[in-house]
Amino acid sequence: MKKKIKKLVHWSFTIFIIIYIITGFGITEFRIIQTITFGLLTKPSAFYLHSILIYPFIILLIFHIILTLNKKIKWKNKENEQ
């Protein structure tokens, strides 16, 4: 069960990073992104999405760090026991 949670957090974080980068690029290079997305992601919508995505991005980042640190702490504890 814990592995599934880790995978879910890591994949979700990866997807959010990709979307966050695309929306950021949609703000600065909106003509390119608007053309690629066939007009679905305009400059105002990219700015709006980029602004909203920061909150789940931070939450997923915190979970990602906790899960990664938890693994490293356990690994170091096993190393110190030997």
N, C-alpha and C. Protein backbone atom coordinates (compact mmCIF):
# COMPACT_ATOMS: atom_id res chain seq x y z
N MET A 1 0.82 -1.20 0.00
CA MET A 1 0.00 0.00 0.00
C MET A 1 0.87 1.26 0.00
N LYS A 2 1.97 1.21 0.77
CA LYS A 2 2.84 2.37 0.84
C LYS A 2 3.53 2.63 -0.51
N LYS A 3 3.87 1.56 -1.23
CA LYS A 3 4.49 1.74 -2.55
C LYS A 3 3.52 2.40 -3.52
N LYS A 4 2.25 2.06 -3.41
CA LYS A 4 1.25 2.66 -4.30
C LYS A 4 1.11 4.15 -4.00
N ILE A 5 1.16 4.50 -2.74
CA ILE A 5 1.08 5.92 -2.35
C ILE A 5 2.30 6.66 -2.87
N LYS A 6 3.48 6.06 -2.72
CA LYS A 6 4.70 6.68 -3.22
C LYS A 6 4.62 6.90 -4.73
N LYS A 7 4.19 5.87 -5.45
CA LYS A 7 4.08 6.00 -6.90
C LYS A 7 3.07 7.06 -7.29
N LEU A 8 1.95 7.09 -6.59
CA LEU A 8 0.92 8.08 -6.87
C LEU A 8 1.46 9.49 -6.65
N VAL A 9 2.15 9.71 -5.54
CA VAL A 9 2.71 11.03 -5.25
C VAL A 9 3.77 11.40 -6.28
N HIS A 10 4.67 10.49 -6.58
CA HIS A 10 5.75 10.80 -7.51
C HIS A 10 5.23 11.06 -8.92
N TRP A 11 4.29 10.24 -9.40
CA TRP A 11 3.74 10.45 -10.74
C TRP A 11 2.91 11.72 -10.79
N SER A 12 2.13 11.98 -9.76
CA SER A 12 1.34 13.21 -9.71
C SER A 12 2.25 14.43 -9.73
N PHE A 13 3.32 14.36 -8.96
CA PHE A 13 4.28 15.46 -8.91
C PHE A 13 4.92 15.68 -10.28
N THR A 14 5.26 14.60 -10.96
CA THR A 14 5.85 14.70 -12.29
C THR A 14 4.87 15.36 -13.27
N ILE A 15 3.62 14.94 -13.23
CA ILE A 15 2.60 15.51 -14.11
C ILE A 15 2.41 16.99 -13.80
N PHE A 16 2.37 17.34 -12.51
CA PHE A 16 2.20 18.75 -12.14
C PHE A 16 3.39 19.59 -12.58
N ILE A 17 4.59 19.04 -12.51
CA ILE A 17 5.76 19.77 -12.97
C ILE A 17 5.65 20.06 -14.47
N ILE A 18 5.25 19.06 -15.24
CA ILE A 18 5.12 19.23 -16.68
C ILE A 18 4.05 20.27 -17.01
N ILE A 19 2.90 20.17 -16.36
CA ILE A 19 1.83 21.15 -16.59
C ILE A 19 2.26 22.54 -16.15
N TYR A 20 2.96 22.62 -15.03
CA TYR A 20 3.43 23.90 -14.51
C TYR A 20 4.40 24.56 -15.49
N ILE A 21 5.28 23.77 -16.06
CA ILE A 21 6.24 24.29 -17.04
C ILE A 21 5.51 24.74 -18.31
N ILE A 22 4.57 23.94 -18.78
CA ILE A 22 3.82 24.30 -19.99
C ILE A 22 3.03 25.57 -19.78
N THR A 23 2.36 25.71 -18.62
CA THR A 23 1.59 26.93 -18.38
C THR A 23 2.50 28.14 -18.21
N GLY A 24 3.66 27.95 -17.61
CA GLY A 24 4.62 29.05 -17.51
C GLY A 24 5.13 29.46 -18.86
N PHE A 25 5.38 28.48 -19.70
CA PHE A 25 5.79 28.77 -21.07
C PHE A 25 4.64 29.42 -21.84
N GLY A 26 3.40 29.04 -21.49
CA GLY A 26 2.22 29.63 -22.12
C GLY A 26 2.04 31.09 -21.76
N ILE A 27 2.63 31.52 -20.65
CA ILE A 27 2.56 32.93 -20.27
C ILE A 27 3.60 33.73 -21.05
N THR A 28 4.80 33.19 -21.15
CA THR A 28 5.87 33.95 -21.80
C THR A 28 5.87 33.81 -23.32
N GLU A 29 5.60 32.61 -23.79
CA GLU A 29 5.57 32.35 -25.24
C GLU A 29 4.17 31.90 -25.65
N PHE A 30 3.19 32.74 -25.41
CA PHE A 30 1.79 32.35 -25.57
C PHE A 30 1.40 32.04 -27.00
N ARG A 31 2.05 32.65 -27.96
CA ARG A 31 1.69 32.38 -29.36
C ARG A 31 2.04 30.94 -29.75
N ILE A 32 3.18 30.47 -29.29
CA ILE A 32 3.59 29.11 -29.60
C ILE A 32 2.66 28.10 -28.93
N ILE A 33 2.43 28.29 -27.63
CA ILE A 33 1.59 27.35 -26.87
C ILE A 33 0.15 27.39 -27.38
N GLN A 34 -0.34 28.55 -27.71
CA GLN A 34 -1.70 28.68 -28.22
C GLN A 34 -1.84 27.93 -29.54
N THR A 35 -0.83 27.98 -30.37
CA THR A 35 -0.85 27.26 -31.64
C THR A 35 -0.76 25.76 -31.42
N ILE A 36 0.12 25.34 -30.54
CA ILE A 36 0.30 23.91 -30.27
C ILE A 36 -0.96 23.29 -29.67
N THR A 37 -1.64 24.03 -28.79
CA THR A 37 -2.85 23.51 -28.12
C THR A 37 -4.13 23.85 -28.89
N PHE A 38 -3.98 24.34 -30.12
CA PHE A 38 -5.12 24.69 -30.97
C PHE A 38 -6.05 25.71 -30.29
N GLY A 39 -5.45 26.66 -29.59
CA GLY A 39 -6.21 27.74 -28.98
C GLY A 39 -6.80 27.42 -27.61
N LEU A 40 -6.58 26.22 -27.09
CA LEU A 40 -7.14 25.86 -25.79
C LEU A 40 -6.42 26.55 -24.63
N LEU A 41 -5.14 26.75 -24.76
CA LEU A 41 -4.36 27.38 -23.69
C LEU A 41 -3.92 28.76 -24.16
N THR A 42 -4.71 29.74 -23.82
CA THR A 42 -4.37 31.12 -24.17
C THR A 42 -3.54 31.73 -23.06
N LYS A 43 -3.05 32.93 -23.27
CA LYS A 43 -2.23 33.59 -22.25
C LYS A 43 -2.99 33.79 -20.94
N PRO A 44 -4.24 34.29 -20.96
CA PRO A 44 -4.96 34.44 -19.68
C PRO A 44 -5.25 33.11 -18.99
N SER A 45 -5.62 32.09 -19.77
CA SER A 45 -5.89 30.80 -19.14
C SER A 45 -4.61 30.16 -18.61
N ALA A 46 -3.49 30.33 -19.30
CA ALA A 46 -2.21 29.82 -18.83
C ALA A 46 -1.81 30.50 -17.53
N PHE A 47 -2.01 31.81 -17.46
CA PHE A 47 -1.69 32.56 -16.24
C PHE A 47 -2.56 32.10 -15.09
N TYR A 48 -3.86 31.91 -15.35
CA TYR A 48 -4.79 31.46 -14.32
C TYR A 48 -4.41 30.07 -13.81
N LEU A 49 -4.17 29.14 -14.73
CA LEU A 49 -3.77 27.78 -14.33
C LEU A 49 -2.45 27.78 -13.58
N HIS A 50 -1.52 28.55 -14.06
CA HIS A 50 -0.20 28.64 -13.42
C HIS A 50 -0.33 29.17 -11.99
N SER A 51 -1.21 30.13 -11.81
CA SER A 51 -1.43 30.70 -10.47
C SER A 51 -2.09 29.71 -9.53
N ILE A 52 -3.03 28.94 -10.03
CA ILE A 52 -3.75 27.98 -9.20
C ILE A 52 -2.90 26.74 -8.90
N LEU A 53 -2.10 26.31 -9.84
CA LEU A 53 -1.33 25.07 -9.69
C LEU A 53 -0.24 25.16 -8.62
N ILE A 54 0.09 26.34 -8.16
CA ILE A 54 1.16 26.47 -7.18
C ILE A 54 0.80 25.77 -5.86
N TYR A 55 -0.47 25.78 -5.48
CA TYR A 55 -0.87 25.18 -4.20
C TYR A 55 -0.77 23.66 -4.20
N PRO A 56 -1.37 22.96 -5.17
CA PRO A 56 -1.15 21.50 -5.17
C PRO A 56 0.31 21.14 -5.45
N PHE A 57 1.00 21.99 -6.21
CA PHE A 57 2.42 21.76 -6.49
C PHE A 57 3.23 21.75 -5.18
N ILE A 58 2.98 22.72 -4.32
CA ILE A 58 3.69 22.80 -3.04
C ILE A 58 3.34 21.61 -2.15
N ILE A 59 2.07 21.24 -2.12
CA ILE A 59 1.65 20.10 -1.31
C ILE A 59 2.31 18.81 -1.80
N LEU A 60 2.31 18.59 -3.10
CA LEU A 60 2.96 17.39 -3.65
C LEU A 60 4.47 17.43 -3.43
N LEU A 61 5.06 18.61 -3.51
CA LEU A 61 6.49 18.74 -3.24
C LEU A 61 6.81 18.33 -1.80
N ILE A 62 5.99 18.77 -0.86
CA ILE A 62 6.21 18.41 0.55
C ILE A 62 6.07 16.91 0.75
N PHE A 63 5.02 16.30 0.16
CA PHE A 63 4.85 14.85 0.28
C PHE A 63 6.02 14.11 -0.37
N HIS A 64 6.46 14.60 -1.51
CA HIS A 64 7.59 13.99 -2.20
C HIS A 64 8.85 14.03 -1.33
N ILE A 65 9.11 15.16 -0.72
CA ILE A 65 10.29 15.31 0.15
C ILE A 65 10.17 14.40 1.36
N ILE A 66 9.01 14.36 1.98
CA ILE A 66 8.81 13.51 3.16
C ILE A 66 9.03 12.05 2.81
N LEU A 67 8.44 11.59 1.71
CA LEU A 67 8.60 10.19 1.32
C LEU A 67 10.05 9.86 0.97
N THR A 68 10.72 10.79 0.33
CA THR A 68 12.12 10.56 -0.04
C THR A 68 13.02 10.59 1.19
N LEU A 69 12.82 11.54 2.08
CA LEU A 69 13.63 11.61 3.29
C LEU A 69 13.38 10.41 4.20
N ASN A 70 12.14 9.98 4.27
CA ASN A 70 11.80 8.82 5.08
C ASN A 70 12.58 7.60 4.61
N LYS A 71 12.70 7.42 3.32
CA LYS A 71 13.44 6.30 2.74
C LYS A 71 14.93 6.43 3.06
N LYS A 72 15.48 7.63 2.93
CA LYS A 72 16.92 7.83 3.18
C LYS A 72 17.25 7.68 4.65
N ILE A 73 16.36 8.13 5.54
CA ILE A 73 16.61 8.00 6.97
C ILE A 73 16.62 6.53 7.36
N LYS A 74 15.67 5.75 6.83
CA LYS A 74 15.64 4.31 7.12
C LYS A 74 16.90 3.64 6.59
N TRP A 75 17.34 4.05 5.39
CA TRP A 75 18.53 3.45 4.79
C TRP A 75 19.76 3.76 5.64
N LYS A 76 19.89 4.99 6.15
CA LYS A 76 21.03 5.36 6.98
C LYS A 76 20.98 4.64 8.32
N ASN A 77 19.79 4.44 8.88
CA ASN A 77 19.67 3.72 10.14
C ASN A 77 20.11 2.28 9.97
N LYS A 78 19.76 1.64 8.88
CA LYS A 78 20.21 0.26 8.61
C LYS A 78 21.71 0.21 8.44
N GLU A 79 22.28 1.22 7.81
CA GLU A 79 23.71 1.28 7.58
C GLU A 79 24.46 1.44 8.92
N ASN A 80 23.92 2.23 9.83
CA ASN A 80 24.56 2.46 11.13
C ASN A 80 24.47 1.25 12.03
N GLU A 81 23.46 0.40 11.86
CA GLU A 81 23.30 -0.79 12.69
C GLU A 81 24.34 -1.84 12.37
N GLN A 82 24.84 -1.85 11.16
CA GLN A 82 25.79 -2.90 10.75
C GLN A 82 27.17 -2.66 11.22
